[in-house]
Protein backbone atom coordinates (compact mmCIF):
# COMPACT_ATOMS: atom_id res chain seq x y z
CA MET A 1 -52.09 -23.85 -27.15
CA ILE A 2 -50.63 -21.90 -30.07
CA LYS A 3 -49.67 -19.03 -27.76
CA PHE A 4 -47.95 -21.53 -25.47
CA LEU A 5 -45.96 -23.00 -28.36
CA LYS A 6 -44.89 -19.54 -29.50
CA ALA A 7 -43.77 -18.64 -26.02
CA LEU A 8 -41.89 -21.89 -25.49
CA PRO A 9 -38.90 -21.09 -27.77
CA VAL A 10 -38.50 -17.75 -26.03
CA ALA A 11 -38.44 -19.44 -22.64
CA LEU A 12 -35.94 -21.97 -23.91
CA LEU A 13 -33.74 -19.20 -25.30
CA LEU A 14 -33.85 -17.31 -22.03
CA GLY A 15 -33.01 -20.47 -20.13
CA ALA A 16 -30.16 -21.23 -22.52
CA ALA A 17 -28.85 -17.68 -22.21
CA SER A 18 -28.92 -17.95 -18.42
CA PHE A 19 -27.09 -21.29 -18.53
CA GLN A 20 -24.54 -19.87 -20.96
CA ALA A 21 -23.93 -16.85 -18.72
CA GLN A 22 -23.26 -19.15 -15.78
CA ALA A 23 -21.03 -21.43 -17.86
CA GLN A 24 -18.97 -18.44 -18.97
CA SER A 25 -18.59 -17.01 -15.48
CA VAL A 26 -15.16 -16.42 -14.04
CA LEU A 27 -16.31 -18.64 -11.16
CA SER A 28 -16.57 -21.60 -13.55
CA GLU A 29 -13.13 -20.83 -14.96
CA ILE A 30 -11.61 -20.70 -11.49
CA LEU A 31 -13.14 -24.01 -10.46
CA ASP A 32 -12.30 -25.73 -13.76
CA GLU A 33 -8.67 -24.58 -13.81
CA GLY A 34 -8.18 -24.83 -10.06
CA VAL A 35 -6.50 -21.42 -9.77
CA LEU A 36 -7.69 -18.07 -8.41
CA LYS A 37 -5.72 -15.18 -9.96
CA VAL A 38 -5.67 -12.00 -7.88
CA GLY A 39 -4.16 -8.69 -8.98
CA THR A 40 -2.28 -6.94 -6.19
CA THR A 41 0.12 -3.99 -6.09
CA GLY A 42 2.25 -5.11 -3.16
CA ASP A 43 2.82 -1.52 -2.03
CA TRP A 44 -0.12 -0.66 0.25
CA ASN A 45 0.89 -1.23 3.84
CA PRO A 46 -0.62 -3.12 5.69
CA MET A 47 -3.01 -4.36 3.00
CA THR A 48 -0.52 -5.84 0.54
CA LEU A 49 3.26 -5.87 0.78
CA ARG A 50 5.70 -7.65 -1.52
CA ASP A 51 9.14 -8.66 -0.32
CA PRO A 52 11.48 -7.94 -3.29
CA ALA A 53 14.00 -10.50 -2.07
CA THR A 54 11.58 -13.43 -1.98
CA ASN A 55 8.75 -12.12 -4.17
CA GLN A 56 6.38 -13.20 -1.41
CA TYR A 57 3.35 -11.19 -0.31
CA LYS A 58 1.95 -10.49 3.13
CA GLY A 59 -0.79 -8.28 4.54
CA TYR A 60 -4.49 -7.96 5.22
CA ASP A 61 -5.45 -8.60 1.58
CA ILE A 62 -3.16 -11.59 1.37
CA ASP A 63 -4.85 -13.24 4.35
CA VAL A 64 -8.28 -12.52 2.87
CA MET A 65 -7.38 -13.93 -0.55
CA THR A 66 -5.80 -17.00 1.04
CA GLU A 67 -9.04 -17.70 2.89
CA LEU A 68 -11.08 -17.18 -0.29
CA ALA A 69 -8.94 -19.63 -2.27
CA LYS A 70 -9.22 -22.14 0.56
CA ASP A 71 -13.02 -21.90 0.53
CA LEU A 72 -13.06 -22.27 -3.26
CA GLY A 73 -10.76 -25.27 -2.99
CA VAL A 74 -8.26 -23.88 -5.49
CA GLU A 75 -4.67 -22.65 -5.66
CA LEU A 76 -3.94 -18.94 -5.22
CA GLU A 77 -1.83 -16.95 -7.69
CA PHE A 78 -0.94 -13.30 -7.09
CA VAL A 79 -0.50 -11.29 -10.27
CA PRO A 80 1.70 -8.18 -9.87
CA THR A 81 0.02 -4.97 -11.01
CA ASP A 82 0.16 -1.25 -10.26
CA TRP A 83 -2.45 1.37 -9.50
CA LYS A 84 -2.72 2.85 -12.97
CA THR A 85 -3.46 -0.57 -14.55
CA LEU A 86 -5.34 -2.13 -11.63
CA VAL A 87 -8.78 -1.90 -13.25
CA ASN A 88 -7.51 -2.79 -16.73
CA GLY A 89 -6.22 -6.08 -15.37
CA VAL A 90 -9.75 -7.06 -14.38
CA THR A 91 -11.45 -5.85 -17.55
CA SER A 92 -8.87 -7.57 -19.80
CA GLY A 93 -9.03 -10.86 -17.92
CA LYS A 94 -5.43 -10.72 -16.70
CA TYR A 95 -6.70 -11.70 -13.26
CA HIS A 96 -10.09 -12.70 -11.85
CA MET A 97 -10.28 -9.97 -9.21
CA THR A 98 -8.19 -7.56 -7.19
CA GLY A 99 -7.49 -7.18 -3.52
CA SER A 100 -8.83 -4.16 -1.64
CA ALA A 101 -9.59 -0.99 -3.61
CA SER A 102 -11.64 2.13 -2.97
CA ILE A 103 -15.03 2.26 -4.63
CA THR A 104 -14.93 5.34 -6.88
CA PRO A 105 -17.28 6.65 -9.58
CA ALA A 106 -14.56 6.30 -12.24
CA ARG A 107 -13.96 2.65 -11.40
CA MET A 108 -17.69 1.95 -11.17
CA LYS A 109 -18.04 2.83 -14.85
CA VAL A 110 -16.00 -0.17 -15.98
CA ALA A 111 -15.68 -2.61 -13.08
CA GLY A 112 -17.89 -4.41 -10.61
CA PHE A 113 -17.36 -4.52 -6.85
CA SER A 114 -17.94 -6.96 -4.05
CA GLU A 115 -19.73 -6.04 -0.85
CA SER A 116 -17.60 -3.70 1.24
CA TYR A 117 -15.86 -5.11 4.35
CA ILE A 118 -13.78 -2.15 5.55
CA SER A 119 -13.70 1.61 5.00
CA VAL A 120 -11.08 4.32 4.90
CA GLU A 121 -10.87 8.07 5.33
CA LEU A 122 -8.19 10.39 4.05
CA TYR A 123 -5.72 12.67 5.82
CA PRO A 124 -2.77 14.83 4.73
CA PHE A 125 0.62 13.83 6.13
CA THR A 126 3.98 15.56 6.28
CA THR A 127 7.28 14.99 8.06
CA THR A 128 7.38 15.66 11.79
CA GLU A 129 9.85 18.51 11.28
CA LYS A 130 7.53 20.25 8.81
CA ALA A 131 4.28 19.68 10.71
CA SER A 132 4.42 23.09 12.39
CA ASN A 133 4.40 24.74 8.95
CA PHE A 134 0.81 23.66 8.38
CA ASP A 135 -2.54 24.22 10.03
CA GLY A 136 -5.49 22.51 8.38
CA TRP A 137 -6.27 21.70 4.75
CA ASP A 138 -6.19 25.30 3.48
CA SER A 139 -2.59 25.73 4.59
CA ILE A 140 -1.57 23.04 2.07
CA ASN A 141 -3.25 24.75 -0.89
CA GLN A 142 -0.44 27.26 -1.39
CA PRO A 143 1.95 27.83 -4.36
CA SER A 144 4.93 27.22 -2.11
CA VAL A 145 3.75 23.73 -1.11
CA LYS A 146 4.57 20.57 -3.08
CA VAL A 147 2.00 17.78 -2.78
CA ALA A 148 3.01 14.31 -3.98
CA THR A 149 0.64 11.61 -5.20
CA THR A 150 0.82 8.33 -7.11
CA LEU A 151 -0.53 7.97 -10.64
CA GLY A 152 -3.65 5.82 -10.90
CA THR A 153 -4.58 5.81 -7.22
CA SER A 154 -7.92 7.11 -6.00
CA PHE A 155 -5.92 9.85 -4.24
CA GLU A 156 -4.57 11.40 -7.44
CA PRO A 157 -7.76 13.18 -8.67
CA LEU A 158 -8.57 14.30 -5.12
CA VAL A 159 -5.15 15.89 -4.67
CA LYS A 160 -5.59 17.84 -7.91
CA LYS A 161 -9.09 18.91 -6.87
CA TRP A 162 -8.27 19.89 -3.29
CA PHE A 163 -5.00 21.73 -3.96
CA PRO A 164 -5.34 23.69 -7.22
CA ASN A 165 -2.90 26.34 -6.00
CA ALA A 166 -0.20 23.95 -4.79
CA GLU A 167 2.47 22.30 -6.91
CA ILE A 168 1.36 18.73 -7.63
CA LYS A 169 4.00 16.09 -8.15
CA VAL A 170 2.68 12.85 -9.67
CA VAL A 171 4.91 9.79 -9.51
CA GLU A 172 4.43 6.37 -11.09
CA ALA A 173 4.47 3.07 -9.24
CA PRO A 174 6.50 1.45 -7.83
CA ALA A 175 7.30 4.93 -6.48
CA ARG A 176 4.74 6.31 -4.03
CA GLY A 177 3.84 9.83 -3.05
CA TYR A 178 5.11 9.37 0.48
CA ASN A 179 8.56 8.40 -0.84
CA GLU A 180 8.82 11.90 -2.30
CA VAL A 181 8.06 13.43 1.08
CA PHE A 182 10.55 11.18 2.88
CA ALA A 183 13.20 12.14 0.32
CA GLY A 184 12.52 15.88 0.75
CA ARG A 185 11.24 16.35 -2.83
CA ALA A 186 7.71 17.16 -1.64
CA ASP A 187 6.09 18.52 1.50
CA VAL A 188 2.77 16.69 1.85
CA PHE A 189 1.08 13.49 0.71
CA ILE A 190 -2.46 12.22 1.10
CA THR A 191 -3.27 8.70 2.21
CA SER A 192 -5.79 6.69 4.15
CA ASN A 193 -5.96 6.36 7.91
CA ILE A 194 -5.03 2.69 7.36
CA GLU A 195 -1.76 3.29 5.54
CA GLY A 196 -0.97 6.46 7.46
CA ALA A 197 -1.07 4.74 10.84
CA THR A 198 1.29 2.03 9.59
CA LEU A 199 3.73 4.55 8.12
CA GLN A 200 3.76 6.56 11.35
CA GLU A 201 5.06 3.49 13.18
CA LYS A 202 8.12 3.32 10.90
CA PHE A 203 8.88 6.86 9.74
CA PRO A 204 9.02 10.37 11.27
CA ILE A 205 5.76 11.57 9.75
CA ALA A 206 2.67 13.22 11.23
CA ARG A 207 -0.82 14.21 10.21
CA VAL A 208 -1.14 17.84 9.24
CA PRO A 209 -2.46 19.58 12.39
CA ASN A 210 -6.18 20.44 12.47
CA ALA A 211 -6.90 18.63 9.19
CA GLU A 212 -10.11 16.68 9.69
CA ALA A 213 -10.76 13.41 7.86
CA ARG A 214 -12.11 13.68 4.32
CA SER A 215 -13.76 11.39 1.77
CA PRO A 216 -14.75 8.36 3.84
CA ALA A 217 -14.91 5.53 1.31
CA PRO A 218 -15.92 1.88 1.36
CA ILE A 219 -13.28 -0.66 0.35
CA SER A 220 -14.00 -3.80 -1.63
CA MET A 221 -12.61 -6.11 -4.32
CA LEU A 222 -12.79 -5.22 -8.04
CA LEU A 223 -14.55 -7.79 -10.21
CA PRO A 224 -15.60 -8.10 -13.87
CA GLN A 225 -18.59 -5.79 -14.26
CA ASP A 226 -20.73 -8.09 -16.43
CA ASP A 227 -20.19 -11.31 -14.44
CA GLN A 228 -23.14 -11.36 -12.06
CA VAL A 229 -22.55 -14.98 -11.08
CA TRP A 230 -19.05 -14.16 -9.78
CA ILE A 231 -20.24 -10.92 -8.17
CA ASN A 232 -23.06 -12.79 -6.38
CA TYR A 233 -20.64 -15.40 -5.11
CA MET A 234 -18.26 -12.77 -3.74
CA ASN A 235 -21.06 -10.71 -2.17
CA ASN A 236 -22.37 -13.72 -0.30
CA TRP A 237 -18.87 -14.83 0.66
CA VAL A 238 -18.19 -11.42 2.22
CA LYS A 239 -21.50 -11.59 4.11
CA VAL A 240 -20.78 -15.07 5.49
CA LYS A 241 -17.23 -14.17 6.51
CA THR A 242 -18.40 -10.95 8.13
CA MET A 243 -21.02 -12.79 10.18
CA ASN A 244 -18.57 -15.43 11.42
CA GLY A 245 -16.03 -12.79 12.50
CA PHE A 246 -13.35 -13.49 9.91
CA PHE A 247 -12.87 -9.87 8.75
CA GLU A 248 -12.86 -8.62 12.34
CA LYS A 249 -10.08 -11.08 13.19
CA VAL A 250 -7.96 -10.16 10.15
CA SER A 251 -8.38 -6.47 10.96
CA ALA A 252 -7.19 -7.11 14.51
CA ASP A 253 -4.23 -9.14 13.24
CA TRP A 254 -3.05 -6.16 11.16
CA GLY A 255 -3.87 -3.45 13.67
CA LEU A 256 -6.84 -2.01 11.78
């Protein structure tokens, strides 16, 4: 009996701690305030695109977040961010989550992730007129070649690792690495098969010949690392939506 009485306060404390953790979850905040705040860059075609004239967003991520807010029964608010501060916005509470982002070891140190629902692989791209100057990845890693990348993206450290002999040009958002190539200030940029295919439809660019895909990576949403209640909700939401064909439909809508 005495042992039971001693154990009882511990059980009560653990129960209270569990209740407190749930009460403090971002999920509770979203439901109480009636607003889901999502950080998005608006510059990753076709995932998230912002129209400067109207300040409206469209894209794969936008459709996914709209569906999530609908299922939560709350309003949706997009919070502008950029790649170098994307994670900080989650950890500081500026927004409750982000749209799609690559799962990387650096981000895993400070942020949580939902279940993955799509994946990407990386390719080097150049202009169609310069394509014949290159043959495979090694041809890019030359002192005479300028490789552009965007600060804070998952591509930036890979570019520096893969092309130590090339000249690396890092630009800050809202500029993007591919803008430097289009403008003739760089020769090559790295991006995903998703963005690359979309850019090829609009601009005279091509994959570098004989450069096989690298770094296949799962894509998911960034979440507060210590909020297991919110992470569990999002994981199960992704599973349910995957099973009922929602993600497959959105992918088809955006040509992915």
